[in-house]
Amino acid sequence: MAGVSMKEIKLRIRSMESTKQITKAMEMVAASKLRRAQENVTKSRPYFETLFATVCDVAGKERDFSSPYLEEREVKKSLYIVIAGDRGLAGGYNHNVLKLAEAEMRGKDVTVLPIGKKSLENFRAHGYDILTDVYFEAGDVSVSDSFTMARDICRRFISHEFDEVYLVYTNFISILVQEPAALKVLPLHGVEGGTPARSTETIYEPSVQEVFGAIVPEYLGGLIYGALCECIASEQGARRTAMDAATKNAEEMIGDLSLKYNRARQGAITQEITEIVAGAGS
């Protein structure tokens, strides 16, 4: 700060105070949105768990059960559903999930279904084949959109347009911890063995295969919506943490600048007194 005038220091203090007000406001907004997002996560999990249990029960009904959704085949084309945020200033949230997605895609013939502005911008900039840009606003994707998306993906999978489907999203562990994850959603794994026996026997009409074929798109839609809820909560948690850290950094800088301002002021006063004394002595 050598050679910096008191006026310049004061301007920097005012600038940092304005920055602190902004980061504090953003932290409060993120905290408010986080509460709603956590509620949505809590509400979506039981629905997914019930659907998964039903899928497992249906698949475990018959020993000779078969379905195109369970079929393992040579992978020629992969679809990656990648969920990221709509805005930045969320620490490493967007970077971490996009970095994981690109690592998973490496060496494959891939089409991307991006959800969120940051996801769309990233994969479009890197020249990836984009399935659709309809879901560029993650915050606007509804339950209905999730099921519409899932039905279209299932149709494309059955017609062999894609041989595998992955969902890349961020798990909300806590406000301080969010973990990106890549989940293979099609073909289905781990459902053929079924779940522990239920107390009542369920009869599926018109047939187990037809019920299974009808319920898988619903299961995938619930999975996408659940992942979206996890991502929104993760983004708000990461943004709240980042803005809290930025606010604390601004406070520290204001303290340092105030100390430098006081020292500069004391130096200026001392110099004036010295000049007065020197002038009086002459």
C-alpha atoms as a PDB file:
ATOM      1  CA  MET A   1       0.000   0.000   0.000  1.00  0.00           C
ATOM      2  CA  ALA A   2       3.100   2.214  -0.159  1.00  0.00           C
ATOM      3  CA  GLY A   3       2.392   5.431  -2.012  1.00  0.00           C
ATOM      4  CA  VAL A   4      -1.385   4.992  -1.795  1.00  0.00           C
ATOM      5  CA  SER A   5      -3.232   8.088  -0.605  1.00  0.00           C
ATOM      6  CA  MET A   6      -5.809   8.168   2.178  1.00  0.00           C
ATOM      7  CA  LYS A   7      -8.488   8.982  -0.389  1.00  0.00           C
ATOM      8  CA  GLU A   8      -7.685   5.875  -2.424  1.00  0.00           C
ATOM      9  CA  ILE A   9      -7.737   3.695   0.714  1.00  0.00           C
ATOM     10  CA  LYS A  10     -11.112   5.152   1.685  1.00  0.00           C
ATOM     11  CA  LEU A  11     -12.510   4.419  -1.784  1.00  0.00           C
ATOM     12  CA  ARG A  12     -11.316   0.812  -1.528  1.00  0.00           C
ATOM     13  CA  ILE A  13     -12.969   0.463   1.894  1.00  0.00           C
ATOM     14  CA  ARG A  14     -16.280   1.711   0.463  1.00  0.00           C
ATOM     15  CA  SER A  15     -15.919  -0.691  -2.478  1.00  0.00           C
ATOM     16  CA  MET A  16     -15.327  -3.647  -0.159  1.00  0.00           C
ATOM     17  CA  GLU A  17     -18.304  -2.624   2.007  1.00  0.00           C
ATOM     18  CA  SER A  18     -20.519  -2.664  -1.111  1.00  0.00           C
ATOM     19  CA  THR A  19     -19.138  -6.093  -2.054  1.00  0.00           C
ATOM     20  CA  LYS A  20     -19.832  -7.361   1.461  1.00  0.00           C
ATOM     21  CA  GLN A  21     -23.458  -6.194   1.254  1.00  0.00           C
ATOM     22  CA  ILE A  22     -23.920  -8.052  -2.039  1.00  0.00           C
ATOM     23  CA  THR A  23     -22.335 -11.317  -0.848  1.00  0.00           C
ATOM     24  CA  LYS A  24     -24.303 -11.185   2.404  1.00  0.00           C
ATOM     25  CA  ALA A  25     -27.568 -10.674   0.498  1.00  0.00           C
ATOM     26  CA  MET A  26     -26.724 -13.557  -1.864  1.00  0.00           C
ATOM     27  CA  GLU A  27     -25.921 -15.776   1.123  1.00  0.00           C
ATOM     28  CA  MET A  28     -29.329 -15.028   2.675  1.00  0.00           C
ATOM     29  CA  VAL A  29     -31.143 -15.707  -0.629  1.00  0.00           C
ATOM     30  CA  ALA A  30     -29.269 -18.999  -1.040  1.00  0.00           C
ATOM     31  CA  ALA A  31     -30.123 -20.001   2.542  1.00  0.00           C
ATOM     32  CA  SER A  32     -33.814 -19.323   1.875  1.00  0.00           C
ATOM     33  CA  LYS A  33     -33.809 -21.322  -1.376  1.00  0.00           C
ATOM     34  CA  LEU A  34     -31.834 -24.098   0.291  1.00  0.00           C
ATOM     35  CA  ARG A  35     -34.576 -24.720   2.850  1.00  0.00           C
ATOM     36  CA  ARG A  36     -37.141 -25.222   0.081  1.00  0.00           C
ATOM     37  CA  ALA A  37     -34.736 -27.379  -1.912  1.00  0.00           C
ATOM     38  CA  GLN A  38     -34.068 -29.615   1.105  1.00  0.00           C
ATOM     39  CA  GLU A  39     -37.807 -30.084   1.555  1.00  0.00           C
ATOM     40  CA  ASN A  40     -38.118 -31.165  -2.097  1.00  0.00           C
ATOM     41  CA  VAL A  41     -35.257 -33.651  -1.658  1.00  0.00           C
ATOM     42  CA  THR A  42     -36.947 -35.138   1.397  1.00  0.00           C
ATOM     43  CA  LYS A  43     -40.267 -35.414  -0.439  1.00  0.00           C
ATOM     44  CA  SER A  44     -38.831 -36.925  -3.643  1.00  0.00           C
ATOM     45  CA  ARG A  45     -36.803 -39.733  -2.034  1.00  0.00           C
ATOM     46  CA  PRO A  46     -39.765 -41.872  -0.807  1.00  0.00           C
ATOM     47  CA  TYR A  47     -41.342 -41.758  -4.282  1.00  0.00           C
ATOM     48  CA  PHE A  48     -38.148 -42.993  -5.921  1.00  0.00           C
ATOM     49  CA  GLU A  49     -37.674 -45.704  -3.285  1.00  0.00           C
ATOM     50  CA  THR A  50     -41.234 -46.980  -3.815  1.00  0.00           C
ATOM     51  CA  LEU A  51     -40.787 -47.052  -7.599  1.00  0.00           C
ATOM     52  CA  PHE A  52     -37.471 -48.880  -7.274  1.00  0.00           C
ATOM     53  CA  ALA A  53     -39.016 -51.459  -4.934  1.00  0.00           C
ATOM     54  CA  THR A  54     -41.851 -52.011  -7.425  1.00  0.00           C
ATOM     55  CA  VAL A  55     -39.421 -52.403 -10.349  1.00  0.00           C
ATOM     56  CA  CYS A  56     -37.416 -54.939  -8.341  1.00  0.00           C
ATOM     57  CA  ASP A  57     -40.569 -56.819  -7.352  1.00  0.00           C
ATOM     58  CA  VAL A  58     -41.832 -57.000 -10.935  1.00  0.00           C
ATOM     59  CA  ALA A  59     -38.455 -58.110 -12.310  1.00  0.00           C
ATOM     60  CA  GLY A  60     -38.158 -60.795  -9.653  1.00  0.00           C
ATOM     61  CA  LYS A  61     -41.540 -62.374 -10.313  1.00  0.00           C
ATOM     62  CA  GLU A  62     -40.401 -64.846 -12.947  1.00  0.00           C
ATOM     63  CA  ARG A  63     -37.108 -66.655 -13.390  1.00  0.00           C
ATOM     64  CA  ASP A  64     -37.301 -66.355 -17.178  1.00  0.00           C
ATOM     65  CA  PHE A  65     -38.207 -62.674 -17.066  1.00  0.00           C
ATOM     66  CA  SER A  66     -36.755 -60.601 -19.913  1.00  0.00           C
ATOM     67  CA  SER A  67     -37.078 -56.995 -21.013  1.00  0.00           C
ATOM     68  CA  PRO A  68     -35.260 -54.671 -23.440  1.00  0.00           C
ATOM     69  CA  TYR A  69     -34.579 -52.466 -20.416  1.00  0.00           C
ATOM     70  CA  LEU A  70     -32.455 -55.268 -18.912  1.00  0.00           C
ATOM     71  CA  GLU A  71     -30.687 -56.213 -22.128  1.00  0.00           C
ATOM     72  CA  GLU A  72     -26.899 -55.813 -22.155  1.00  0.00           C
ATOM     73  CA  ARG A  73     -25.642 -55.065 -25.656  1.00  0.00           C
ATOM     74  CA  GLU A  74     -22.584 -53.769 -27.429  1.00  0.00           C
ATOM     75  CA  VAL A  75     -22.225 -50.069 -26.667  1.00  0.00           C
ATOM     76  CA  LYS A  76     -22.011 -48.021 -29.837  1.00  0.00           C
ATOM     77  CA  LYS A  77     -23.732 -44.837 -28.701  1.00  0.00           C
ATOM     78  CA  SER A  78     -24.140 -43.425 -25.186  1.00  0.00           C
ATOM     79  CA  LEU A  79     -26.473 -40.764 -23.824  1.00  0.00           C
ATOM     80  CA  TYR A  80     -25.383 -38.661 -20.851  1.00  0.00           C
ATOM     81  CA  ILE A  81     -27.924 -36.597 -18.924  1.00  0.00           C
ATOM     82  CA  VAL A  82     -25.803 -33.933 -17.191  1.00  0.00           C
ATOM     83  CA  ILE A  83     -27.350 -31.628 -14.597  1.00  0.00           C
ATOM     84  CA  ALA A  84     -25.521 -28.433 -13.632  1.00  0.00           C
ATOM     85  CA  GLY A  85     -26.543 -25.005 -12.374  1.00  0.00           C
ATOM     86  CA  ASP A  86     -28.064 -21.983 -14.079  1.00  0.00           C
ATOM     87  CA  ARG A  87     -25.646 -19.489 -12.512  1.00  0.00           C
ATOM     88  CA  GLY A  88     -22.128 -19.292 -11.150  1.00  0.00           C
ATOM     89  CA  LEU A  89     -20.823 -17.994  -7.804  1.00  0.00           C
ATOM     90  CA  ALA A  90     -21.378 -21.438  -6.275  1.00  0.00           C
ATOM     91  CA  GLY A  91     -17.811 -22.467  -5.489  1.00  0.00           C
ATOM     92  CA  GLY A  92     -16.760 -25.618  -7.322  1.00  0.00           C
ATOM     93  CA  TYR A  93     -20.303 -26.957  -7.811  1.00  0.00           C
ATOM     94  CA  ASN A  94     -20.519 -26.583 -11.608  1.00  0.00           C
ATOM     95  CA  HIS A  95     -16.851 -27.321 -12.267  1.00  0.00           C
ATOM     96  CA  ASN A  96     -16.872 -30.582 -10.288  1.00  0.00           C
ATOM     97  CA  VAL A  97     -19.921 -32.142 -11.951  1.00  0.00           C
ATOM     98  CA  LEU A  98     -18.870 -31.088 -15.467  1.00  0.00           C
ATOM     99  CA  LYS A  99     -15.341 -32.380 -14.891  1.00  0.00           C
ATOM    100  CA  LEU A 100     -16.742 -35.770 -13.794  1.00  0.00           C
ATOM    101  CA  ALA A 101     -19.049 -35.911 -16.827  1.00  0.00           C
ATOM    102  CA  GLU A 102     -16.226 -35.223 -19.268  1.00  0.00           C
ATOM    103  CA  ALA A 103     -14.035 -37.854 -17.592  1.00  0.00           C
ATOM    104  CA  GLU A 104     -16.831 -40.437 -17.892  1.00  0.00           C
ATOM    105  CA  MET A 105     -17.448 -39.583 -21.559  1.00  0.00           C
ATOM    106  CA  ARG A 106     -13.819 -39.793 -22.630  1.00  0.00           C
ATOM    107  CA  GLY A 107     -13.294 -42.271 -25.477  1.00  0.00           C
ATOM    108  CA  LYS A 108     -17.013 -42.831 -26.132  1.00  0.00           C
ATOM    109  CA  ASP A 109     -19.390 -41.838 -28.910  1.00  0.00           C
ATOM    110  CA  VAL A 110     -21.615 -39.584 -26.843  1.00  0.00           C
ATOM    111  CA  THR A 111     -24.751 -37.479 -27.088  1.00  0.00           C
ATOM    112  CA  VAL A 112     -25.461 -35.098 -24.208  1.00  0.00           C
ATOM    113  CA  LEU A 113     -28.792 -34.057 -22.762  1.00  0.00           C
ATOM    114  CA  PRO A 114     -27.806 -30.944 -20.769  1.00  0.00           C
ATOM    115  CA  ILE A 115     -29.971 -29.616 -17.947  1.00  0.00           C
ATOM    116  CA  GLY A 116     -29.015 -26.145 -16.713  1.00  0.00           C
ATOM    117  CA  LYS A 117     -27.358 -23.175 -18.438  1.00  0.00           C
ATOM    118  CA  LYS A 118     -23.838 -24.051 -17.312  1.00  0.00           C
ATOM    119  CA  SER A 119     -24.194 -27.595 -18.628  1.00  0.00           C
ATOM    120  CA  LEU A 120     -25.508 -26.445 -22.019  1.00  0.00           C
ATOM    121  CA  GLU A 121     -22.857 -23.717 -22.389  1.00  0.00           C
ATOM    122  CA  ASN A 122     -20.027 -26.103 -21.475  1.00  0.00           C
ATOM    123  CA  PHE A 123     -20.917 -28.952 -23.849  1.00  0.00           C
ATOM    124  CA  ARG A 124     -21.883 -26.642 -26.686  1.00  0.00           C
ATOM    125  CA  ALA A 125     -18.539 -24.825 -26.348  1.00  0.00           C
ATOM    126  CA  HIS A 126     -16.674 -28.160 -26.449  1.00  0.00           C
ATOM    127  CA  GLY A 127     -18.497 -29.322 -29.579  1.00  0.00           C
ATOM    128  CA  TYR A 128     -20.511 -32.216 -28.111  1.00  0.00           C
ATOM    129  CA  ASP A 129     -23.611 -33.551 -29.863  1.00  0.00           C
ATOM    130  CA  ILE A 130     -26.581 -32.023 -27.998  1.00  0.00           C
ATOM    131  CA  LEU A 131     -29.823 -34.014 -27.918  1.00  0.00           C
ATOM    132  CA  THR A 132     -31.963 -30.977 -27.046  1.00  0.00           C
ATOM    133  CA  ASP A 133     -31.547 -27.550 -25.433  1.00  0.00           C
ATOM    134  CA  VAL A 134     -35.121 -27.377 -24.175  1.00  0.00           C
ATOM    135  CA  TYR A 135     -34.057 -27.877 -20.549  1.00  0.00           C
ATOM    136  CA  PHE A 136     -31.463 -25.085 -20.424  1.00  0.00           C
ATOM    137  CA  GLU A 137     -33.056 -23.668 -17.232  1.00  0.00           C
ATOM    138  CA  ALA A 138     -32.657 -26.285 -14.497  1.00  0.00           C
ATOM    139  CA  GLY A 139     -34.808 -24.226 -12.137  1.00  0.00           C
ATOM    140  CA  ASP A 140     -37.741 -24.392 -14.578  1.00  0.00           C
ATOM    141  CA  VAL A 141     -37.703 -28.185 -15.105  1.00  0.00           C
ATOM    142  CA  SER A 142     -40.878 -29.569 -13.530  1.00  0.00           C
ATOM    143  CA  VAL A 143     -42.029 -33.046 -12.548  1.00  0.00           C
ATOM    144  CA  SER A 144     -43.978 -33.218 -15.801  1.00  0.00           C
ATOM    145  CA  ASP A 145     -40.860 -32.291 -17.789  1.00  0.00           C
ATOM    146  CA  SER A 146     -38.908 -35.054 -16.046  1.00  0.00           C
ATOM    147  CA  PHE A 147     -41.432 -37.713 -17.056  1.00  0.00           C
ATOM    148  CA  THR A 148     -41.677 -36.372 -20.611  1.00  0.00           C
ATOM    149  CA  MET A 149     -37.879 -36.524 -20.834  1.00  0.00           C
ATOM    150  CA  ALA A 150     -37.839 -40.078 -19.417  1.00  0.00           C
ATOM    151  CA  ARG A 151     -40.434 -41.390 -21.887  1.00  0.00           C
ATOM    152  CA  ASP A 152     -38.480 -39.955 -24.829  1.00  0.00           C
ATOM    153  CA  ILE A 153     -35.217 -41.477 -23.546  1.00  0.00           C
ATOM    154  CA  CYS A 154     -36.843 -44.892 -23.055  1.00  0.00           C
ATOM    155  CA  ARG A 155     -38.280 -44.785 -26.572  1.00  0.00           C
ATOM    156  CA  ARG A 156     -34.862 -43.972 -28.013  1.00  0.00           C
ATOM    157  CA  PHE A 157     -33.212 -46.714 -25.928  1.00  0.00           C
ATOM    158  CA  ILE A 158     -35.667 -49.400 -27.078  1.00  0.00           C
ATOM    159  CA  SER A 159     -35.185 -48.340 -30.710  1.00  0.00           C
ATOM    160  CA  HIS A 160     -31.401 -48.789 -30.237  1.00  0.00           C
ATOM    161  CA  GLU A 161     -30.667 -45.113 -30.827  1.00  0.00           C
ATOM    162  CA  PHE A 162     -28.683 -45.321 -27.567  1.00  0.00           C
ATOM    163  CA  ASP A 163     -27.152 -48.433 -26.026  1.00  0.00           C
ATOM    164  CA  GLU A 164     -26.624 -47.023 -22.530  1.00  0.00           C
ATOM    165  CA  VAL A 165     -27.835 -44.019 -20.569  1.00  0.00           C
ATOM    166  CA  TYR A 166     -26.000 -42.283 -17.733  1.00  0.00           C
ATOM    167  CA  LEU A 167     -27.213 -39.633 -15.311  1.00  0.00           C
ATOM    168  CA  VAL A 168     -24.532 -37.247 -14.012  1.00  0.00           C
ATOM    169  CA  TYR A 169     -25.627 -35.097 -11.088  1.00  0.00           C
ATOM    170  CA  THR A 170     -24.571 -33.939  -7.602  1.00  0.00           C
ATOM    171  CA  ASN A 171     -25.596 -35.697  -4.391  1.00  0.00           C
ATOM    172  CA  PHE A 172     -26.596 -33.365  -1.569  1.00  0.00           C
ATOM    173  CA  ILE A 173     -24.844 -34.725   1.531  1.00  0.00           C
ATOM    174  CA  SER A 174     -24.960 -31.584   3.670  1.00  0.00           C
ATOM    175  CA  ILE A 175     -24.656 -27.817   3.352  1.00  0.00           C
ATOM    176  CA  LEU A 176     -20.870 -28.180   3.346  1.00  0.00           C
ATOM    177  CA  VAL A 177     -20.574 -31.411   1.326  1.00  0.00           C
ATOM    178  CA  GLN A 178     -21.869 -32.077  -2.196  1.00  0.00           C
ATOM    179  CA  GLU A 179     -20.572 -35.045  -4.193  1.00  0.00           C
ATOM    180  CA  PRO A 180     -20.868 -35.370  -8.000  1.00  0.00           C
ATOM    181  CA  ALA A 181     -21.935 -38.829  -9.174  1.00  0.00           C
ATOM    182  CA  ALA A 182     -22.416 -40.725 -12.450  1.00  0.00           C
ATOM    183  CA  LEU A 183     -25.217 -43.299 -12.382  1.00  0.00           C
ATOM    184  CA  LYS A 184     -25.942 -45.807 -15.151  1.00  0.00           C
ATOM    185  CA  VAL A 185     -29.735 -45.802 -15.482  1.00  0.00           C
ATOM    186  CA  LEU A 186     -30.217 -47.892 -18.648  1.00  0.00           C
ATOM    187  CA  PRO A 187     -29.949 -50.803 -19.065  1.00  0.00           C
ATOM    188  CA  LEU A 188     -31.169 -51.457 -15.532  1.00  0.00           C
ATOM    189  CA  HIS A 189     -28.900 -53.232 -13.085  1.00  0.00           C
ATOM    190  CA  GLY A 190     -29.566 -54.900  -9.750  1.00  0.00           C
ATOM    191  CA  VAL A 191     -33.315 -55.347 -10.172  1.00  0.00           C
ATOM    192  CA  GLU A 192     -33.530 -58.902 -11.513  1.00  0.00           C
ATOM    193  CA  GLY A 193     -33.066 -60.439  -8.095  1.00  0.00           C
ATOM    194  CA  GLY A 194     -36.013 -58.580  -6.693  1.00  0.00           C
ATOM    195  CA  THR A 195     -36.433 -57.277  -3.158  1.00  0.00           C
ATOM    196  CA  PRO A 196     -37.040 -59.148   0.106  1.00  0.00           C
ATOM    197  CA  ALA A 197     -40.325 -61.029   0.075  1.00  0.00           C
ATOM    198  CA  ARG A 198     -43.398 -58.943   0.819  1.00  0.00           C
ATOM    199  CA  SER A 199     -46.109 -59.944   3.229  1.00  0.00           C
ATOM    200  CA  THR A 200     -48.672 -59.931   0.400  1.00  0.00           C
ATOM    201  CA  GLU A 201     -48.489 -61.380  -3.088  1.00  0.00           C
ATOM    202  CA  THR A 202     -49.013 -58.850  -5.881  1.00  0.00           C
ATOM    203  CA  ILE A 203     -50.633 -59.886  -9.149  1.00  0.00           C
ATOM    204  CA  TYR A 204     -49.691 -57.767 -12.159  1.00  0.00           C
ATOM    205  CA  GLU A 205     -52.157 -57.455 -15.057  1.00  0.00           C
ATOM    206  CA  PRO A 206     -52.201 -57.878 -18.007  1.00  0.00           C
ATOM    207  CA  SER A 207     -48.691 -59.377 -17.587  1.00  0.00           C
ATOM    208  CA  VAL A 208     -45.485 -58.869 -15.654  1.00  0.00           C
ATOM    209  CA  GLN A 209     -43.604 -57.858 -18.814  1.00  0.00           C
ATOM    210  CA  GLU A 210     -46.174 -55.237 -19.836  1.00  0.00           C
ATOM    211  CA  VAL A 211     -46.344 -53.741 -16.344  1.00  0.00           C
ATOM    212  CA  PHE A 212     -42.554 -53.627 -16.191  1.00  0.00           C
ATOM    213  CA  GLY A 213     -42.383 -51.917 -19.591  1.00  0.00           C
ATOM    214  CA  ALA A 214     -44.911 -49.316 -18.456  1.00  0.00           C
ATOM    215  CA  ILE A 215     -43.330 -48.623 -15.082  1.00  0.00           C
ATOM    216  CA  VAL A 216     -39.676 -48.216 -16.176  1.00  0.00           C
ATOM    217  CA  PRO A 217     -40.264 -44.784 -17.837  1.00  0.00           C
ATOM    218  CA  GLU A 218     -42.022 -43.683 -14.635  1.00  0.00           C
ATOM    219  CA  TYR A 219     -39.091 -44.995 -12.605  1.00  0.00           C
ATOM    220  CA  LEU A 220     -36.603 -43.116 -14.809  1.00  0.00           C
ATOM    221  CA  GLY A 221     -38.689 -39.938 -14.593  1.00  0.00           C
ATOM    222  CA  GLY A 222     -38.704 -40.172 -10.804  1.00  0.00           C
ATOM    223  CA  LEU A 223     -34.960 -40.761 -10.865  1.00  0.00           C
ATOM    224  CA  ILE A 224     -34.330 -37.672 -13.008  1.00  0.00           C
ATOM    225  CA  TYR A 225     -36.573 -35.479 -10.866  1.00  0.00           C
ATOM    226  CA  GLY A 226     -34.964 -36.781  -7.668  1.00  0.00           C
ATOM    227  CA  ALA A 227     -31.496 -36.045  -9.088  1.00  0.00           C
ATOM    228  CA  LEU A 228     -32.667 -32.570 -10.090  1.00  0.00           C
ATOM    229  CA  CYS A 229     -33.860 -31.886  -6.530  1.00  0.00           C
ATOM    230  CA  GLU A 230     -30.499 -33.095  -5.194  1.00  0.00           C
ATOM    231  CA  CYS A 231     -28.673 -30.800  -7.641  1.00  0.00           C
ATOM    232  CA  ILE A 232     -30.709 -27.714  -6.787  1.00  0.00           C
ATOM    233  CA  ALA A 233     -30.111 -28.288  -3.065  1.00  0.00           C
ATOM    234  CA  SER A 234     -26.390 -28.864  -3.752  1.00  0.00           C
ATOM    235  CA  GLU A 235     -26.124 -25.666  -5.800  1.00  0.00           C
ATOM    236  CA  GLN A 236     -27.765 -23.550  -3.116  1.00  0.00           C
ATOM    237  CA  GLY A 237     -25.669 -25.168  -0.397  1.00  0.00           C
ATOM    238  CA  ALA A 238     -22.469 -24.532  -2.368  1.00  0.00           C
ATOM    239  CA  ARG A 239     -23.508 -20.935  -3.115  1.00  0.00           C
ATOM    240  CA  ARG A 240     -24.340 -20.253   0.517  1.00  0.00           C
ATOM    241  CA  THR A 241     -20.938 -21.579   1.601  1.00  0.00           C
ATOM    242  CA  ALA A 242     -19.122 -19.598  -1.108  1.00  0.00           C
ATOM    243  CA  MET A 243     -20.928 -16.359  -0.274  1.00  0.00           C
ATOM    244  CA  ASP A 244     -20.299 -16.849   3.452  1.00  0.00           C
ATOM    245  CA  ALA A 245     -16.576 -17.241   2.730  1.00  0.00           C
ATOM    246  CA  ALA A 246     -16.642 -14.175   0.439  1.00  0.00           C
ATOM    247  CA  THR A 247     -18.356 -12.118   3.156  1.00  0.00           C
ATOM    248  CA  LYS A 248     -15.739 -13.109   5.710  1.00  0.00           C
ATOM    249  CA  ASN A 249     -12.941 -12.291   3.265  1.00  0.00           C
ATOM    250  CA  ALA A 250     -14.499  -8.868   2.629  1.00  0.00           C
ATOM    251  CA  GLU A 251     -14.652  -8.216   6.385  1.00  0.00           C
ATOM    252  CA  GLU A 252     -10.976  -9.122   6.744  1.00  0.00           C
ATOM    253  CA  MET A 253     -10.004  -6.823   3.870  1.00  0.00           C
ATOM    254  CA  ILE A 254     -12.056  -3.986   5.328  1.00  0.00           C
ATOM    255  CA  GLY A 255     -10.266  -4.487   8.651  1.00  0.00           C
ATOM    256  CA  ASP A 256      -6.836  -4.437   6.976  1.00  0.00           C
ATOM    257  CA  LEU A 257      -7.697  -1.383   4.899  1.00  0.00           C
ATOM    258  CA  SER A 258      -9.074   0.443   7.955  1.00  0.00           C
ATOM    259  CA  LEU A 259      -5.828  -0.244   9.791  1.00  0.00           C
ATOM    260  CA  LYS A 260      -3.792   1.075   6.841  1.00  0.00           C
ATOM    261  CA  TYR A 261      -6.071   4.124   6.615  1.00  0.00           C
ATOM    262  CA  ASN A 262      -5.557   4.913  10.312  1.00  0.00           C
ATOM    263  CA  ARG A 263      -1.803   4.521   9.959  1.00  0.00           C
ATOM    264  CA  ALA A 264      -1.753   6.797   6.910  1.00  0.00           C
ATOM    265  CA  ARG A 265      -3.887   9.338   8.782  1.00  0.00           C
ATOM    266  CA  GLN A 266      -1.591   9.241  11.801  1.00  0.00           C
ATOM    267  CA  GLY A 267       1.420   9.664   9.490  1.00  0.00           C
ATOM    268  CA  ALA A 268      -0.189  12.675   7.829  1.00  0.00           C
ATOM    269  CA  ILE A 269      -0.967  14.259  11.218  1.00  0.00           C
ATOM    270  CA  THR A 270       2.571  13.639  12.457  1.00  0.00           C
ATOM    271  CA  GLN A 271       3.978  15.209   9.303  1.00  0.00           C
ATOM    272  CA  GLU A 272       1.770  18.293   9.721  1.00  0.00           C
ATOM    273  CA  ILE A 273       2.853  18.715  13.363  1.00  0.00           C
ATOM    274  CA  THR A 274       6.497  18.326  12.345  1.00  0.00           C
ATOM    275  CA  GLU A 275       6.102  20.978   9.669  1.00  0.00           C
ATOM    276  CA  ILE A 276       4.383  23.349  12.115  1.00  0.00           C
ATOM    277  CA  VAL A 277       7.097  22.868  14.740  1.00  0.00           C
ATOM    278  CA  ALA A 278       9.825  23.325  12.128  1.00  0.00           C
ATOM    279  CA  GLY A 279       8.162  26.493  10.864  1.00  0.00           C
ATOM    280  CA  ALA A 280       7.781  27.924  14.374  1.00  0.00           C
ATOM    281  CA  GLY A 281      11.442  27.198  15.176  1.00  0.00           C
ATOM    282  CA  SER A 282      12.635  29.044  12.120  1.00  0.00           C
END
